[in-house]
N, C-alpha and C. Protein backbone atom coordinates (compact mmCIF):
# COMPACT_ATOMS: atom_id res chain seq x y z
N MET A 1 30.61 17.01 -34.04
CA MET A 1 29.63 15.99 -34.11
C MET A 1 30.13 14.62 -33.66
N GLU A 2 31.39 14.32 -33.84
CA GLU A 2 31.92 13.10 -33.39
C GLU A 2 31.94 13.05 -31.87
N LYS A 3 32.23 14.17 -31.26
CA LYS A 3 32.24 14.26 -29.76
C LYS A 3 30.90 13.90 -29.23
N LEU A 4 29.76 14.49 -29.92
CA LEU A 4 28.41 14.24 -29.43
C LEU A 4 28.09 12.76 -29.58
N VAL A 5 28.51 12.07 -30.68
CA VAL A 5 28.35 10.64 -30.78
C VAL A 5 29.06 9.93 -29.74
N GLY A 6 30.25 10.30 -29.44
CA GLY A 6 31.01 9.65 -28.39
C GLY A 6 30.36 9.87 -27.02
N GLU A 7 29.80 11.02 -26.77
CA GLU A 7 29.10 11.25 -25.50
C GLU A 7 27.77 10.41 -25.38
N VAL A 8 27.11 10.27 -26.48
CA VAL A 8 25.91 9.34 -26.52
C VAL A 8 26.34 7.94 -26.26
N SER A 9 27.48 7.53 -26.82
CA SER A 9 28.00 6.21 -26.60
C SER A 9 28.35 6.00 -25.14
N LYS A 10 28.97 6.96 -24.57
CA LYS A 10 29.48 6.94 -23.22
C LYS A 10 28.13 6.81 -22.30
N GLN A 11 27.15 7.65 -22.59
CA GLN A 11 25.98 7.60 -21.80
C GLN A 11 25.28 6.24 -21.85
N GLN A 12 25.28 5.61 -23.16
CA GLN A 12 24.66 4.34 -23.33
C GLN A 12 25.52 3.27 -22.46
N LEU A 13 26.72 3.43 -22.49
CA LEU A 13 27.58 2.53 -21.70
C LEU A 13 27.38 2.63 -20.20
N VAL A 14 27.13 3.89 -19.75
CA VAL A 14 26.81 4.11 -18.34
C VAL A 14 25.47 3.44 -17.98
N ASP A 15 24.51 3.69 -18.85
CA ASP A 15 23.16 3.08 -18.68
C ASP A 15 23.26 1.57 -18.62
N ASP A 16 24.01 1.01 -19.53
CA ASP A 16 24.07 -0.48 -19.60
C ASP A 16 24.85 -1.03 -18.33
N PHE A 17 25.80 -0.31 -17.85
CA PHE A 17 26.55 -0.68 -16.69
C PHE A 17 25.72 -0.60 -15.53
N LYS A 18 24.82 0.39 -15.41
CA LYS A 18 23.82 0.49 -14.30
C LYS A 18 22.95 -0.77 -14.29
N VAL A 19 22.54 -1.27 -15.40
CA VAL A 19 21.74 -2.44 -15.48
C VAL A 19 22.41 -3.62 -14.92
N VAL A 20 23.73 -3.67 -15.31
CA VAL A 20 24.61 -4.85 -14.91
C VAL A 20 24.72 -4.86 -13.38
N VAL A 21 24.97 -3.61 -12.85
CA VAL A 21 25.17 -3.42 -11.34
C VAL A 21 23.85 -3.86 -10.66
N ALA A 22 22.65 -3.44 -11.20
CA ALA A 22 21.40 -3.81 -10.64
C ALA A 22 21.22 -5.22 -10.68
N ASP A 23 21.61 -5.91 -11.71
CA ASP A 23 21.39 -7.34 -11.82
C ASP A 23 22.29 -8.10 -10.84
N ALA A 24 23.47 -7.51 -10.68
CA ALA A 24 24.47 -8.21 -9.70
C ALA A 24 23.90 -8.01 -8.34
N GLU A 25 23.40 -6.87 -7.96
CA GLU A 25 22.82 -6.62 -6.66
C GLU A 25 21.70 -7.62 -6.44
N ALA A 26 20.80 -7.78 -7.40
CA ALA A 26 19.63 -8.79 -7.34
C ALA A 26 20.22 -10.21 -7.08
N LEU A 27 21.28 -10.51 -7.78
CA LEU A 27 21.96 -11.86 -7.61
C LEU A 27 22.50 -12.00 -6.17
N LEU A 28 23.07 -10.99 -5.62
CA LEU A 28 23.57 -11.07 -4.30
C LEU A 28 22.42 -11.20 -3.30
N LYS A 29 21.36 -10.56 -3.50
CA LYS A 29 20.20 -10.70 -2.64
C LYS A 29 19.62 -12.11 -2.78
N ALA A 30 19.57 -12.60 -3.89
CA ALA A 30 19.06 -14.00 -4.14
C ALA A 30 19.86 -15.03 -3.36
N THR A 31 21.20 -14.89 -3.36
CA THR A 31 22.10 -15.80 -2.75
C THR A 31 22.36 -15.57 -1.28
N ALA A 32 21.66 -14.60 -0.81
CA ALA A 32 22.00 -14.17 0.67
C ALA A 32 21.65 -15.38 1.63
N SER A 33 20.68 -16.18 1.26
CA SER A 33 20.33 -17.27 2.22
C SER A 33 21.24 -18.42 2.17
N HIS A 34 22.12 -18.53 1.13
CA HIS A 34 23.03 -19.63 0.95
C HIS A 34 24.17 -19.37 1.94
N GLY A 35 24.66 -20.44 2.63
CA GLY A 35 25.65 -20.26 3.68
C GLY A 35 26.94 -20.71 3.08
N GLY A 36 27.90 -20.72 3.96
CA GLY A 36 29.29 -21.17 3.58
C GLY A 36 30.21 -19.97 3.63
N GLU A 37 31.52 -20.31 4.04
CA GLU A 37 32.51 -19.33 4.19
C GLU A 37 32.90 -18.76 2.81
N LYS A 38 33.00 -19.63 1.85
CA LYS A 38 33.42 -19.15 0.43
C LYS A 38 32.39 -18.32 -0.11
N VAL A 39 31.14 -18.57 0.00
CA VAL A 39 30.03 -17.74 -0.56
C VAL A 39 30.05 -16.43 0.18
N ALA A 40 30.16 -16.45 1.42
CA ALA A 40 30.18 -15.11 2.13
C ALA A 40 31.37 -14.28 1.73
N GLU A 41 32.50 -14.87 1.55
CA GLU A 41 33.66 -14.12 1.08
C GLU A 41 33.51 -13.57 -0.29
N LEU A 42 32.97 -14.35 -1.18
CA LEU A 42 32.76 -14.00 -2.53
C LEU A 42 31.68 -12.87 -2.59
N ARG A 43 30.69 -13.02 -1.69
CA ARG A 43 29.61 -11.96 -1.72
C ARG A 43 30.12 -10.64 -1.19
N ALA A 44 31.06 -10.60 -0.20
CA ALA A 44 31.71 -9.47 0.31
C ALA A 44 32.56 -8.78 -0.82
N LYS A 45 33.40 -9.53 -1.47
CA LYS A 45 34.22 -9.06 -2.60
C LYS A 45 33.30 -8.44 -3.75
N THR A 46 32.26 -9.12 -3.96
CA THR A 46 31.33 -8.56 -5.03
C THR A 46 30.61 -7.32 -4.64
N GLU A 47 30.30 -7.24 -3.29
CA GLU A 47 29.68 -5.89 -2.83
C GLU A 47 30.69 -4.80 -2.92
N GLU A 48 31.87 -5.02 -2.52
CA GLU A 48 32.90 -4.03 -2.57
C GLU A 48 33.14 -3.59 -4.02
N SER A 49 33.17 -4.54 -5.03
CA SER A 49 33.32 -4.15 -6.37
C SER A 49 32.14 -3.40 -6.89
N LEU A 50 30.98 -3.72 -6.45
CA LEU A 50 29.78 -3.03 -6.89
C LEU A 50 29.73 -1.56 -6.37
N LYS A 51 30.20 -1.43 -5.11
CA LYS A 51 30.33 -0.04 -4.52
C LYS A 51 31.26 0.76 -5.30
N ALA A 52 32.46 0.27 -5.69
CA ALA A 52 33.41 0.93 -6.52
C ALA A 52 32.92 1.33 -7.91
N ALA A 53 32.17 0.30 -8.44
CA ALA A 53 31.57 0.62 -9.90
C ALA A 53 30.57 1.66 -9.80
N LYS A 54 29.76 1.65 -8.74
CA LYS A 54 28.84 2.72 -8.60
C LYS A 54 29.42 4.16 -8.54
N VAL A 55 30.47 4.24 -7.79
CA VAL A 55 31.23 5.51 -7.66
C VAL A 55 31.76 5.95 -9.00
N ARG A 56 32.38 4.98 -9.77
CA ARG A 56 32.83 5.34 -11.10
C ARG A 56 31.76 5.66 -12.06
N ILE A 57 30.60 5.01 -12.04
CA ILE A 57 29.45 5.37 -12.82
C ILE A 57 29.01 6.76 -12.58
N HIS A 58 28.90 7.06 -11.32
CA HIS A 58 28.48 8.43 -10.98
C HIS A 58 29.48 9.52 -11.44
N GLU A 59 30.78 9.21 -11.29
CA GLU A 59 31.74 10.21 -11.78
C GLU A 59 31.67 10.35 -13.35
N ALA A 60 31.48 9.24 -13.99
CA ALA A 60 31.44 9.24 -15.48
C ALA A 60 30.15 10.04 -15.92
N GLN A 61 29.08 9.85 -15.16
CA GLN A 61 27.85 10.44 -15.47
C GLN A 61 28.02 11.98 -15.34
N ASP A 62 28.65 12.39 -14.23
CA ASP A 62 28.90 13.83 -14.02
C ASP A 62 29.68 14.46 -15.09
N VAL A 63 30.69 13.72 -15.55
CA VAL A 63 31.56 14.24 -16.63
C VAL A 63 30.79 14.43 -17.86
N ILE A 64 29.88 13.42 -18.22
CA ILE A 64 29.05 13.47 -19.43
C ILE A 64 28.10 14.68 -19.33
N VAL A 65 27.51 14.90 -18.18
CA VAL A 65 26.56 16.01 -18.06
C VAL A 65 27.27 17.34 -18.23
N ALA A 66 28.55 17.41 -17.62
CA ALA A 66 29.23 18.68 -17.69
C ALA A 66 29.61 18.97 -19.21
N LYS A 67 30.05 17.94 -19.87
CA LYS A 67 30.47 18.17 -21.31
C LYS A 67 29.25 18.46 -22.19
N THR A 68 28.09 17.90 -21.80
CA THR A 68 26.95 18.15 -22.66
C THR A 68 26.48 19.61 -22.38
N LYS A 69 26.53 20.06 -21.21
CA LYS A 69 26.20 21.45 -20.83
C LYS A 69 27.21 22.43 -21.63
N VAL A 70 28.46 22.12 -21.71
CA VAL A 70 29.40 22.95 -22.34
C VAL A 70 29.06 23.00 -23.83
N ALA A 71 28.80 21.76 -24.47
CA ALA A 71 28.42 21.66 -25.88
C ALA A 71 27.14 22.45 -26.13
N ALA A 72 26.16 22.41 -25.30
CA ALA A 72 24.86 23.25 -25.47
C ALA A 72 25.22 24.69 -25.43
N LYS A 73 26.06 25.05 -24.53
CA LYS A 73 26.34 26.53 -24.43
C LYS A 73 27.08 27.02 -25.65
N VAL A 74 28.15 26.28 -26.10
CA VAL A 74 28.81 26.55 -27.32
C VAL A 74 27.94 26.68 -28.59
N THR A 75 26.99 25.72 -28.63
CA THR A 75 26.02 25.74 -29.72
C THR A 75 25.11 26.95 -29.70
N ASP A 76 24.66 27.26 -28.47
CA ASP A 76 23.78 28.41 -28.29
C ASP A 76 24.52 29.77 -28.68
N GLU A 77 25.80 29.87 -28.24
CA GLU A 77 26.56 31.06 -28.67
C GLU A 77 26.72 31.13 -30.15
N TYR A 78 27.02 30.04 -30.79
CA TYR A 78 27.22 30.02 -32.22
C TYR A 78 25.94 30.41 -32.86
N VAL A 79 24.77 29.90 -32.45
CA VAL A 79 23.58 30.26 -33.07
C VAL A 79 23.22 31.75 -32.94
N HIS A 80 23.53 32.28 -31.82
CA HIS A 80 23.37 33.70 -31.58
C HIS A 80 24.28 34.55 -32.41
N GLU A 81 25.48 34.07 -32.64
CA GLU A 81 26.45 34.92 -33.41
C GLU A 81 26.26 34.75 -34.92
N ASN A 82 25.69 33.49 -35.34
CA ASN A 82 25.60 33.32 -36.71
C ASN A 82 24.08 32.81 -36.99
N PRO A 83 23.08 33.68 -36.88
CA PRO A 83 21.73 33.20 -37.00
C PRO A 83 21.40 32.77 -38.36
N TRP A 84 21.86 33.44 -39.51
CA TRP A 84 21.51 33.02 -40.77
C TRP A 84 22.15 31.69 -41.19
N LYS A 85 23.42 31.56 -40.79
CA LYS A 85 24.09 30.33 -41.11
C LYS A 85 23.26 29.12 -40.39
N SER A 86 22.89 29.30 -39.13
CA SER A 86 22.17 28.33 -38.44
C SER A 86 20.84 28.04 -39.06
N ILE A 87 20.11 29.05 -39.56
CA ILE A 87 18.87 28.85 -40.24
C ILE A 87 19.14 28.05 -41.53
N GLY A 88 20.19 28.41 -42.23
CA GLY A 88 20.41 27.66 -43.51
C GLY A 88 20.75 26.23 -43.23
N VAL A 89 21.59 25.97 -42.24
CA VAL A 89 21.94 24.55 -41.93
C VAL A 89 20.72 23.85 -41.49
N ALA A 90 19.84 24.40 -40.66
CA ALA A 90 18.62 23.71 -40.19
C ALA A 90 17.73 23.45 -41.41
N ALA A 91 17.63 24.43 -42.32
CA ALA A 91 16.74 24.25 -43.53
C ALA A 91 17.32 23.09 -44.37
N GLY A 92 18.62 23.08 -44.58
CA GLY A 92 19.26 22.04 -45.32
C GLY A 92 19.08 20.61 -44.73
N VAL A 93 19.20 20.56 -43.47
CA VAL A 93 18.95 19.24 -42.75
C VAL A 93 17.57 18.84 -42.89
N GLY A 94 16.64 19.84 -42.70
CA GLY A 94 15.23 19.52 -42.82
C GLY A 94 14.84 19.09 -44.16
N LEU A 95 15.44 19.64 -45.31
CA LEU A 95 15.24 19.27 -46.60
C LEU A 95 15.71 17.87 -46.89
N ILE A 96 16.96 17.51 -46.44
CA ILE A 96 17.41 16.14 -46.64
C ILE A 96 16.56 15.11 -45.88
N ILE A 97 16.18 15.39 -44.61
CA ILE A 97 15.37 14.48 -43.91
C ILE A 97 14.00 14.37 -44.67
N GLY A 98 13.40 15.43 -45.18
CA GLY A 98 12.18 15.38 -45.87
C GLY A 98 12.32 14.59 -47.13
N MET A 99 13.45 14.69 -47.82
CA MET A 99 13.62 13.89 -49.04
C MET A 99 13.73 12.35 -48.74
N LEU A 100 14.47 12.10 -47.62
CA LEU A 100 14.58 10.65 -47.30
C LEU A 100 13.31 10.07 -46.80
N ILE A 101 12.50 10.83 -46.07
CA ILE A 101 11.20 10.33 -45.73
C ILE A 101 10.21 10.16 -46.89
N GLY A 102 10.36 11.16 -47.88
CA GLY A 102 9.48 11.11 -49.05
C GLY A 102 9.85 9.92 -49.92
N ARG A 103 10.96 9.34 -49.82
CA ARG A 103 11.36 8.19 -50.71
C ARG A 103 10.56 6.89 -50.44
N ARG A 104 10.21 6.82 -49.12
CA ARG A 104 9.53 5.63 -48.70
C ARG A 104 8.14 5.49 -49.18
């Protein structure tokens, strides 16, 4: 379960980083009309950094997808091997959620 929470956190981090990259690209486009050697140099460095960040994001996302598929496969195998345990756990979780909702 902790691995799943970690994967969700990693996915949220990837999503947040994509937003930052998109904002940085928008900033670069907005400053494209400004001249100057320093601005052009800074813009080029930023574009290179963004390209590298996009590659890392894509790699991290691929790892997250692969790990999620493995976790889903393992869960499916467990449920098929232990159907009654799985039903019991699902019923218990449902009961707890029902009790928590009923308290409100």
